[in-house]
Amino acid sequence: MECFAIPDTRGKCDNNGDCGSRNETCNNGKCVNTVAPSGCKECKKNNDCEESGTTCSNGSCIKSECTQSSDCGKNKKCKNGKCVKKN
């Protein structure tokens, strides 16, 4: 089964009861998704990841090690957010 995390509604709230969606809780005055259905993938491609500096890897948004090869050391290049050896 493939699915994606339900996006936050970002509605204004003072407590969890103000969030209409059952999967959300109130966090810093905004309704945010706190429950991802079991077995669901968070992303399919990098553009699915909302947080800056994250890439999609095996269905999860992860913090990128690099965005371009100059972020990596000598004899390495940036590939899918990770520094890997050049061939």
PDB file of N, CA and C in Angstrom:
ATOM      1  N   MET A   1       0.838  -1.179   0.000  1.00  0.00           N
ATOM      2  CA  MET A   1       0.000   0.000   0.000  1.00  0.00           C
ATOM      3  C   MET A   1       0.884   1.243   0.000  1.00  0.00           C
ATOM      4  N   GLU A   2       0.662   2.146  -0.946  1.00  0.00           N
ATOM      5  CA  GLU A   2       1.438   3.366  -1.003  1.00  0.00           C
ATOM      6  C   GLU A   2       0.521   4.556  -0.771  1.00  0.00           C
ATOM      7  N   CYS A   3       0.905   5.426   0.122  1.00  0.00           N
ATOM      8  CA  CYS A   3       0.133   6.628   0.402  1.00  0.00           C
ATOM      9  C   CYS A   3       1.083   7.694   0.910  1.00  0.00           C
ATOM     10  N   PHE A   4       0.596   8.895   1.050  1.00  0.00           N
ATOM     11  CA  PHE A   4       1.422   9.999   1.516  1.00  0.00           C
ATOM     12  C   PHE A   4       0.848  10.559   2.794  1.00  0.00           C
ATOM     13  N   ALA A   5       1.705  11.167   3.586  1.00  0.00           N
ATOM     14  CA  ALA A   5       1.270  11.797   4.825  1.00  0.00           C
ATOM     15  C   ALA A   5       0.233  12.870   4.504  1.00  0.00           C
ATOM     16  N   ILE A   6      -0.737  13.024   5.370  1.00  0.00           N
ATOM     17  CA  ILE A   6      -1.774  14.024   5.184  1.00  0.00           C
ATOM     18  C   ILE A   6      -1.177  15.388   5.496  1.00  0.00           C
ATOM     19  N   PRO A   7      -1.304  16.361   4.576  1.00  0.00           N
ATOM     20  CA  PRO A   7      -0.702  17.673   4.848  1.00  0.00           C
ATOM     21  C   PRO A   7      -1.390  18.402   5.996  1.00  0.00           C
ATOM     22  N   ASP A   8      -0.642  19.270   6.666  1.00  0.00           N
ATOM     23  CA  ASP A   8      -1.184  20.088   7.756  1.00  0.00           C
ATOM     24  C   ASP A   8      -2.219  21.053   7.208  1.00  0.00           C
ATOM     25  N   THR A   9      -3.291  21.296   7.969  1.00  0.00           N
ATOM     26  CA  THR A   9      -4.253  22.319   7.563  1.00  0.00           C
ATOM     27  C   THR A   9      -3.749  23.693   7.943  1.00  0.00           C
ATOM     28  N   ARG A  10      -2.869  23.764   8.953  1.00  0.00           N
ATOM     29  CA  ARG A  10      -2.267  25.006   9.443  1.00  0.00           C
ATOM     30  C   ARG A  10      -3.317  25.989   9.960  1.00  0.00           C
ATOM     31  N   GLY A  11      -4.498  25.463  10.338  1.00  0.00           N
ATOM     32  CA  GLY A  11      -5.536  26.309  10.907  1.00  0.00           C
ATOM     33  C   GLY A  11      -5.101  26.870  12.253  1.00  0.00           C
ATOM     34  N   LYS A  12      -5.660  28.011  12.631  1.00  0.00           N
ATOM     35  CA  LYS A  12      -5.324  28.629  13.917  1.00  0.00           C
ATOM     36  C   LYS A  12      -5.984  27.852  15.046  1.00  0.00           C
ATOM     37  N   CYS A  13      -5.270  27.747  16.176  1.00  0.00           N
ATOM     38  CA  CYS A  13      -5.810  26.993  17.300  1.00  0.00           C
ATOM     39  C   CYS A  13      -5.219  27.481  18.616  1.00  0.00           C
ATOM     40  N   ASP A  14      -5.963  27.191  19.693  1.00  0.00           N
ATOM     41  CA  ASP A  14      -5.471  27.434  21.053  1.00  0.00           C
ATOM     42  C   ASP A  14      -5.247  26.114  21.774  1.00  0.00           C
ATOM     43  N   ASN A  15      -5.966  25.056  21.333  1.00  0.00           N
ATOM     44  CA  ASN A  15      -5.808  23.728  21.916  1.00  0.00           C
ATOM     45  C   ASN A  15      -6.164  22.686  20.872  1.00  0.00           C
ATOM     46  N   ASN A  16      -5.913  21.406  21.177  1.00  0.00           N
ATOM     47  CA  ASN A  16      -6.135  20.327  20.207  1.00  0.00           C
ATOM     48  C   ASN A  16      -7.580  20.245  19.721  1.00  0.00           C
ATOM     49  N   GLY A  17      -8.536  20.624  20.568  1.00  0.00           N
ATOM     50  CA  GLY A  17      -9.943  20.575  20.187  1.00  0.00           C
ATOM     51  C   GLY A  17     -10.302  21.550  19.075  1.00  0.00           C
ATOM     52  N   ASP A  18      -9.456  22.553  18.846  1.00  0.00           N
ATOM     53  CA  ASP A  18      -9.703  23.525  17.778  1.00  0.00           C
ATOM     54  C   ASP A  18      -9.362  22.977  16.399  1.00  0.00           C
ATOM     55  N   CYS A  19      -8.657  21.867  16.353  1.00  0.00           N
ATOM     56  CA  CYS A  19      -8.247  21.270  15.079  1.00  0.00           C
ATOM     57  C   CYS A  19      -9.314  20.257  14.648  1.00  0.00           C
ATOM     58  N   GLY A  20      -9.943  20.515  13.509  1.00  0.00           N
ATOM     59  CA  GLY A  20     -11.049  19.687  13.046  1.00  0.00           C
ATOM     60  C   GLY A  20     -10.653  18.315  12.556  1.00  0.00           C
ATOM     61  N   SER A  21      -9.433  18.179  12.075  1.00  0.00           N
ATOM     62  CA  SER A  21      -8.978  16.902  11.549  1.00  0.00           C
ATOM     63  C   SER A  21      -8.489  16.018  12.689  1.00  0.00           C
ATOM     64  N   ARG A  22      -8.886  14.758  12.711  1.00  0.00           N
ATOM     65  CA  ARG A  22      -8.549  13.874  13.834  1.00  0.00           C
ATOM     66  C   ARG A  22      -7.064  13.539  13.919  1.00  0.00           C
ATOM     67  N   ASN A  23      -6.327  13.776  12.835  1.00  0.00           N
ATOM     68  CA  ASN A  23      -4.903  13.460  12.831  1.00  0.00           C
ATOM     69  C   ASN A  23      -4.035  14.654  13.235  1.00  0.00           C
ATOM     70  N   GLU A  24      -4.665  15.778  13.637  1.00  0.00           N
ATOM     71  CA  GLU A  24      -3.892  16.967  13.957  1.00  0.00           C
ATOM     72  C   GLU A  24      -3.964  17.338  15.436  1.00  0.00           C
ATOM     73  N   THR A  25      -2.909  18.019  15.875  1.00  0.00           N
ATOM     74  CA  THR A  25      -2.875  18.600  17.206  1.00  0.00           C
ATOM     75  C   THR A  25      -2.442  20.058  17.064  1.00  0.00           C
ATOM     76  N   CYS A  26      -2.682  20.823  18.107  1.00  0.00           N
ATOM     77  CA  CYS A  26      -2.321  22.239  18.102  1.00  0.00           C
ATOM     78  C   CYS A  26      -0.859  22.381  18.510  1.00  0.00           C
ATOM     79  N   ASN A  27      -0.068  23.013  17.657  1.00  0.00           N
ATOM     80  CA  ASN A  27       1.356  23.203  17.923  1.00  0.00           C
ATOM     81  C   ASN A  27       1.717  24.648  17.586  1.00  0.00           C
ATOM     82  N   ASN A  28       2.067  25.431  18.597  1.00  0.00           N
ATOM     83  CA  ASN A  28       2.426  26.836  18.404  1.00  0.00           C
ATOM     84  C   ASN A  28       1.344  27.622  17.664  1.00  0.00           C
ATOM     85  N   GLY A  29       0.090  27.360  17.997  1.00  0.00           N
ATOM     86  CA  GLY A  29      -1.019  28.117  17.418  1.00  0.00           C
ATOM     87  C   GLY A  29      -1.472  27.674  16.050  1.00  0.00           C
ATOM     88  N   LYS A  30      -0.934  26.554  15.533  1.00  0.00           N
ATOM     89  CA  LYS A  30      -1.308  26.026  14.218  1.00  0.00           C
ATOM     90  C   LYS A  30      -1.652  24.547  14.326  1.00  0.00           C
ATOM     91  N   CYS A  31      -2.648  24.112  13.552  1.00  0.00           N
ATOM     92  CA  CYS A  31      -3.012  22.691  13.507  1.00  0.00           C
ATOM     93  C   CYS A  31      -2.038  21.965  12.582  1.00  0.00           C
ATOM     94  N   VAL A  32      -1.355  20.968  13.127  1.00  0.00           N
ATOM     95  CA  VAL A  32      -0.376  20.210  12.351  1.00  0.00           C
ATOM     96  C   VAL A  32      -0.628  18.712  12.462  1.00  0.00           C
ATOM     97  N   ASN A  33      -0.307  17.990  11.395  1.00  0.00           N
ATOM     98  CA  ASN A  33      -0.474  16.550  11.339  1.00  0.00           C
ATOM     99  C   ASN A  33       0.563  15.898  12.249  1.00  0.00           C
ATOM    100  N   THR A  34       0.124  15.076  13.171  1.00  0.00           N
ATOM    101  CA  THR A  34       1.059  14.407  14.078  1.00  0.00           C
ATOM    102  C   THR A  34       1.024  12.897  13.929  1.00  0.00           C
ATOM    103  N   VAL A  35       0.146  12.397  13.072  1.00  0.00           N
ATOM    104  CA  VAL A  35       0.020  10.954  12.895  1.00  0.00           C
ATOM    105  C   VAL A  35       0.116  10.623  11.415  1.00  0.00           C
ATOM    106  N   ALA A  36       1.100   9.823  11.049  1.00  0.00           N
ATOM    107  CA  ALA A  36       1.190   9.325   9.682  1.00  0.00           C
ATOM    108  C   ALA A  36       0.665   7.890   9.693  1.00  0.00           C
ATOM    109  N   PRO A  37      -0.260   7.559   8.810  1.00  0.00           N
ATOM    110  CA  PRO A  37      -0.779   6.195   8.783  1.00  0.00           C
ATOM    111  C   PRO A  37       0.356   5.181   8.622  1.00  0.00           C
ATOM    112  N   SER A  38       0.242   4.072   9.275  1.00  0.00           N
ATOM    113  CA  SER A  38       1.266   3.033   9.256  1.00  0.00           C
ATOM    114  C   SER A  38       1.543   2.564   7.837  1.00  0.00           C
ATOM    115  N   GLY A  39       2.800   2.465   7.480  1.00  0.00           N
ATOM    116  CA  GLY A  39       3.191   1.977   6.176  1.00  0.00           C
ATOM    117  C   GLY A  39       3.126   3.013   5.076  1.00  0.00           C
ATOM    118  N   CYS A  40       2.772   4.247   5.405  1.00  0.00           N
ATOM    119  CA  CYS A  40       2.666   5.286   4.383  1.00  0.00           C
ATOM    120  C   CYS A  40       4.024   5.897   4.084  1.00  0.00           C
ATOM    121  N   LYS A  41       4.206   6.262   2.842  1.00  0.00           N
ATOM    122  CA  LYS A  41       5.423   6.943   2.436  1.00  0.00           C
ATOM    123  C   LYS A  41       5.203   8.441   2.554  1.00  0.00           C
ATOM    124  N   GLU A  42       6.227   9.142   3.003  1.00  0.00           N
ATOM    125  CA  GLU A  42       6.161  10.581   3.200  1.00  0.00           C
ATOM    126  C   GLU A  42       6.353  11.333   1.877  1.00  0.00           C
ATOM    127  N   CYS A  43       7.113  10.733   0.948  1.00  0.00           N
ATOM    128  CA  CYS A  43       7.410  11.412  -0.308  1.00  0.00           C
ATOM    129  C   CYS A  43       7.658  10.405  -1.421  1.00  0.00           C
ATOM    130  N   LYS A  44       7.568  10.905  -2.632  1.00  0.00           N
ATOM    131  CA  LYS A  44       7.866  10.113  -3.812  1.00  0.00           C
ATOM    132  C   LYS A  44       9.058  10.736  -4.553  1.00  0.00           C
ATOM    133  N   LYS A  45       9.127  12.068  -4.506  1.00  0.00           N
ATOM    134  CA  LYS A  45      10.215  12.805  -5.148  1.00  0.00           C
ATOM    135  C   LYS A  45      10.598  13.984  -4.266  1.00  0.00           C
ATOM    136  N   ASN A  46      11.753  14.600  -4.536  1.00  0.00           N
ATOM    137  CA  ASN A  46      12.265  15.675  -3.688  1.00  0.00           C
ATOM    138  C   ASN A  46      11.278  16.814  -3.500  1.00  0.00           C
ATOM    139  N   ASN A  47      10.511  17.153  -4.512  1.00  0.00           N
ATOM    140  CA  ASN A  47       9.563  18.261  -4.408  1.00  0.00           C
ATOM    141  C   ASN A  47       8.444  17.991  -3.402  1.00  0.00           C
ATOM    142  N   ASP A  48       8.256  16.746  -2.987  1.00  0.00           N
ATOM    143  CA  ASP A  48       7.235  16.409  -1.989  1.00  0.00           C
ATOM    144  C   ASP A  48       7.664  16.838  -0.584  1.00  0.00           C
ATOM    145  N   CYS A  49       8.939  17.086  -0.391  1.00  0.00           N
ATOM    146  CA  CYS A  49       9.466  17.464   0.919  1.00  0.00           C
ATOM    147  C   CYS A  49       9.388  18.979   1.089  1.00  0.00           C
ATOM    148  N   GLU A  50       8.658  19.417   2.095  1.00  0.00           N
ATOM    149  CA  GLU A  50       8.425  20.842   2.297  1.00  0.00           C
ATOM    150  C   GLU A  50       9.568  21.542   3.009  1.00  0.00           C
ATOM    151  N   GLU A  51      10.207  20.878   3.951  1.00  0.00           N
ATOM    152  CA  GLU A  51      11.256  21.522   4.741  1.00  0.00           C
ATOM    153  C   GLU A  51      12.490  21.798   3.889  1.00  0.00           C
ATOM    154  N   SER A  52      13.018  22.992   4.013  1.00  0.00           N
ATOM    155  CA  SER A  52      14.209  23.385   3.271  1.00  0.00           C
ATOM    156  C   SER A  52      15.379  22.478   3.644  1.00  0.00           C
ATOM    157  N   GLY A  53      16.161  22.094   2.639  1.00  0.00           N
ATOM    158  CA  GLY A  53      17.345  21.277   2.883  1.00  0.00           C
ATOM    159  C   GLY A  53      17.053  19.800   3.058  1.00  0.00           C
ATOM    160  N   THR A  54      15.848  19.341   2.665  1.00  0.00           N
ATOM    161  CA  THR A  54      15.529  17.923   2.757  1.00  0.00           C
ATOM    162  C   THR A  54      15.352  17.335   1.367  1.00  0.00           C
ATOM    163  N   THR A  55      15.645  16.051   1.253  1.00  0.00           N
ATOM    164  CA  THR A  55      15.436  15.323   0.006  1.00  0.00           C
ATOM    165  C   THR A  55      14.657  14.052   0.304  1.00  0.00           C
ATOM    166  N   CYS A  56      14.080  13.485  -0.747  1.00  0.00           N
ATOM    167  CA  CYS A  56      13.314  12.249  -0.605  1.00  0.00           C
ATOM    168  C   CYS A  56      14.232  11.053  -0.799  1.00  0.00           C
ATOM    169  N   SER A  57      14.269  10.181   0.188  1.00  0.00           N
ATOM    170  CA  SER A  57      15.090   8.976   0.119  1.00  0.00           C
ATOM    171  C   SER A  57      14.293   7.805   0.672  1.00  0.00           C
ATOM    172  N   ASN A  58      14.027   6.806  -0.166  1.00  0.00           N
ATOM    173  CA  ASN A  58      13.268   5.618   0.229  1.00  0.00           C
ATOM    174  C   ASN A  58      11.929   5.966   0.882  1.00  0.00           C
ATOM    175  N   GLY A  59      11.250   6.972   0.340  1.00  0.00           N
ATOM    176  CA  GLY A  59       9.921   7.323   0.824  1.00  0.00           C
ATOM    177  C   GLY A  59       9.877   8.223   2.030  1.00  0.00           C
ATOM    178  N   SER A  60      11.040   8.686   2.523  1.00  0.00           N
ATOM    179  CA  SER A  60      11.090   9.577   3.688  1.00  0.00           C
ATOM    180  C   SER A  60      11.873  10.836   3.352  1.00  0.00           C
ATOM    181  N   CYS A  61      11.424  11.964   3.910  1.00  0.00           N
ATOM    182  CA  CYS A  61      12.149  13.220   3.743  1.00  0.00           C
ATOM    183  C   CYS A  61      13.284  13.246   4.763  1.00  0.00           C
ATOM    184  N   ILE A  62      14.504  13.380   4.269  1.00  0.00           N
ATOM    185  CA  ILE A  62      15.665  13.392   5.154  1.00  0.00           C
ATOM    186  C   ILE A  62      16.473  14.670   4.936  1.00  0.00           C
ATOM    187  N   LYS A  63      17.173  15.092   5.966  1.00  0.00           N
ATOM    188  CA  LYS A  63      18.022  16.275   5.880  1.00  0.00           C
ATOM    189  C   LYS A  63      19.151  15.972   4.902  1.00  0.00           C
ATOM    190  N   SER A  64      19.347  16.860   3.935  1.00  0.00           N
ATOM    191  CA  SER A  64      20.365  16.660   2.912  1.00  0.00           C
ATOM    192  C   SER A  64      21.757  16.911   3.458  1.00  0.00           C
ATOM    193  N   GLU A  65      22.683  16.110   3.018  1.00  0.00           N
ATOM    194  CA  GLU A  65      24.091  16.300   3.340  1.00  0.00           C
ATOM    195  C   GLU A  65      24.666  17.384   2.426  1.00  0.00           C
ATOM    196  N   CYS A  66      24.070  17.493   1.220  1.00  0.00           N
ATOM    197  CA  CYS A  66      24.553  18.468   0.246  1.00  0.00           C
ATOM    198  C   CYS A  66      23.430  18.816  -0.725  1.00  0.00           C
ATOM    199  N   THR A  67      23.601  19.933  -1.414  1.00  0.00           N
ATOM    200  CA  THR A  67      22.672  20.303  -2.483  1.00  0.00           C
ATOM    201  C   THR A  67      23.413  20.407  -3.811  1.00  0.00           C
ATOM    202  N   GLN A  68      24.724  20.557  -3.738  1.00  0.00           N
ATOM    203  CA  GLN A  68      25.567  20.592  -4.935  1.00  0.00           C
ATOM    204  C   GLN A  68      26.917  19.978  -4.602  1.00  0.00           C
ATOM    205  N   SER A  69      27.643  19.567  -5.621  1.00  0.00           N
ATOM    206  CA  SER A  69      28.910  18.860  -5.411  1.00  0.00           C
ATOM    207  C   SER A  69      29.944  19.680  -4.646  1.00  0.00           C
ATOM    208  N   SER A  70      29.879  21.008  -4.743  1.00  0.00           N
ATOM    209  CA  SER A  70      30.847  21.837  -4.015  1.00  0.00           C
ATOM    210  C   SER A  70      30.638  21.756  -2.496  1.00  0.00           C
ATOM    211  N   ASP A  71      29.494  21.216  -2.045  1.00  0.00           N
ATOM    212  CA  ASP A  71      29.250  21.013  -0.613  1.00  0.00           C
ATOM    213  C   ASP A  71      30.024  19.807  -0.077  1.00  0.00           C
ATOM    214  N   CYS A  72      30.531  18.983  -0.988  1.00  0.00           N
ATOM    215  CA  CYS A  72      31.222  17.746  -0.601  1.00  0.00           C
ATOM    216  C   CYS A  72      32.737  17.925  -0.675  1.00  0.00           C
ATOM    217  N   GLY A  73      33.437  17.013  -0.048  1.00  0.00           N
ATOM    218  CA  GLY A  73      34.899  17.057  -0.033  1.00  0.00           C
ATOM    219  C   GLY A  73      35.510  16.652  -1.361  1.00  0.00           C
ATOM    220  N   LYS A  74      36.842  16.620  -1.364  1.00  0.00           N
ATOM    221  CA  LYS A  74      37.613  16.250  -2.550  1.00  0.00           C
ATOM    222  C   LYS A  74      37.243  14.835  -3.008  1.00  0.00           C
ATOM    223  N   ASN A  75      37.168  14.645  -4.303  1.00  0.00           N
ATOM    224  CA  ASN A  75      36.851  13.357  -4.935  1.00  0.00           C
ATOM    225  C   ASN A  75      35.444  12.854  -4.613  1.00  0.00           C
ATOM    226  N   LYS A  76      34.547  13.772  -4.231  1.00  0.00           N
ATOM    227  CA  LYS A  76      33.162  13.386  -3.965  1.00  0.00           C
ATOM    228  C   LYS A  76      32.224  14.301  -4.733  1.00  0.00           C
ATOM    229  N   LYS A  77      31.033  13.798  -4.996  1.00  0.00           N
ATOM    230  CA  LYS A  77      29.999  14.585  -5.655  1.00  0.00           C
ATOM    231  C   LYS A  77      28.691  14.428  -4.898  1.00  0.00           C
ATOM    232  N   CYS A  78      27.780  15.354  -5.124  1.00  0.00           N
ATOM    233  CA  CYS A  78      26.478  15.312  -4.465  1.00  0.00           C
ATOM    234  C   CYS A  78      25.504  14.525  -5.335  1.00  0.00           C
ATOM    235  N   LYS A  79      24.926  13.495  -4.759  1.00  0.00           N
ATOM    236  CA  LYS A  79      23.945  12.688  -5.479  1.00  0.00           C
ATOM    237  C   LYS A  79      22.779  12.392  -4.544  1.00  0.00           C
ATOM    238  N   ASN A  80      21.592  12.877  -4.901  1.00  0.00           N
ATOM    239  CA  ASN A  80      20.386  12.681  -4.092  1.00  0.00           C
ATOM    240  C   ASN A  80      20.565  13.135  -2.648  1.00  0.00           C
ATOM    241  N   GLY A  81      21.269  14.265  -2.467  1.00  0.00           N
ATOM    242  CA  GLY A  81      21.416  14.839  -1.127  1.00  0.00           C
ATOM    243  C   GLY A  81      22.528  14.230  -0.288  1.00  0.00           C
ATOM    244  N   LYS A  82      23.311  13.305  -0.869  1.00  0.00           N
ATOM    245  CA  LYS A  82      24.396  12.668  -0.126  1.00  0.00           C
ATOM    246  C   LYS A  82      25.706  12.837  -0.901  1.00  0.00           C
ATOM    247  N   CYS A  83      26.800  12.980  -0.155  1.00  0.00           N
ATOM    248  CA  CYS A  83      28.116  13.042  -0.757  1.00  0.00           C
ATOM    249  C   CYS A  83      28.604  11.623  -1.038  1.00  0.00           C
ATOM    250  N   VAL A  84      28.897  11.336  -2.304  1.00  0.00           N
ATOM    251  CA  VAL A  84      29.362  10.001  -2.703  1.00  0.00           C
ATOM    252  C   VAL A  84      30.658  10.138  -3.487  1.00  0.00           C
ATOM    253  N   LYS A  85      31.435   9.052  -3.518  1.00  0.00           N
ATOM    254  CA  LYS A  85      32.689   9.050  -4.267  1.00  0.00           C
ATOM    255  C   LYS A  85      32.421   9.253  -5.754  1.00  0.00           C
ATOM    256  N   LYS A  86      33.305  10.045  -6.384  1.00  0.00           N
ATOM    257  CA  LYS A  86      33.234  10.190  -7.840  1.00  0.00           C
ATOM    258  C   LYS A  86      33.751   8.905  -8.455  1.00  0.00           C
ATOM    259  N   ASN A  87      33.189   8.513  -9.574  1.00  0.00           N
ATOM    260  CA  ASN A  87      33.656   7.294 -10.277  1.00  0.00           C
ATOM    261  C   ASN A  87      34.938   7.541 -11.001  1.00  0.00           C
TER     262      ASN A  87
END
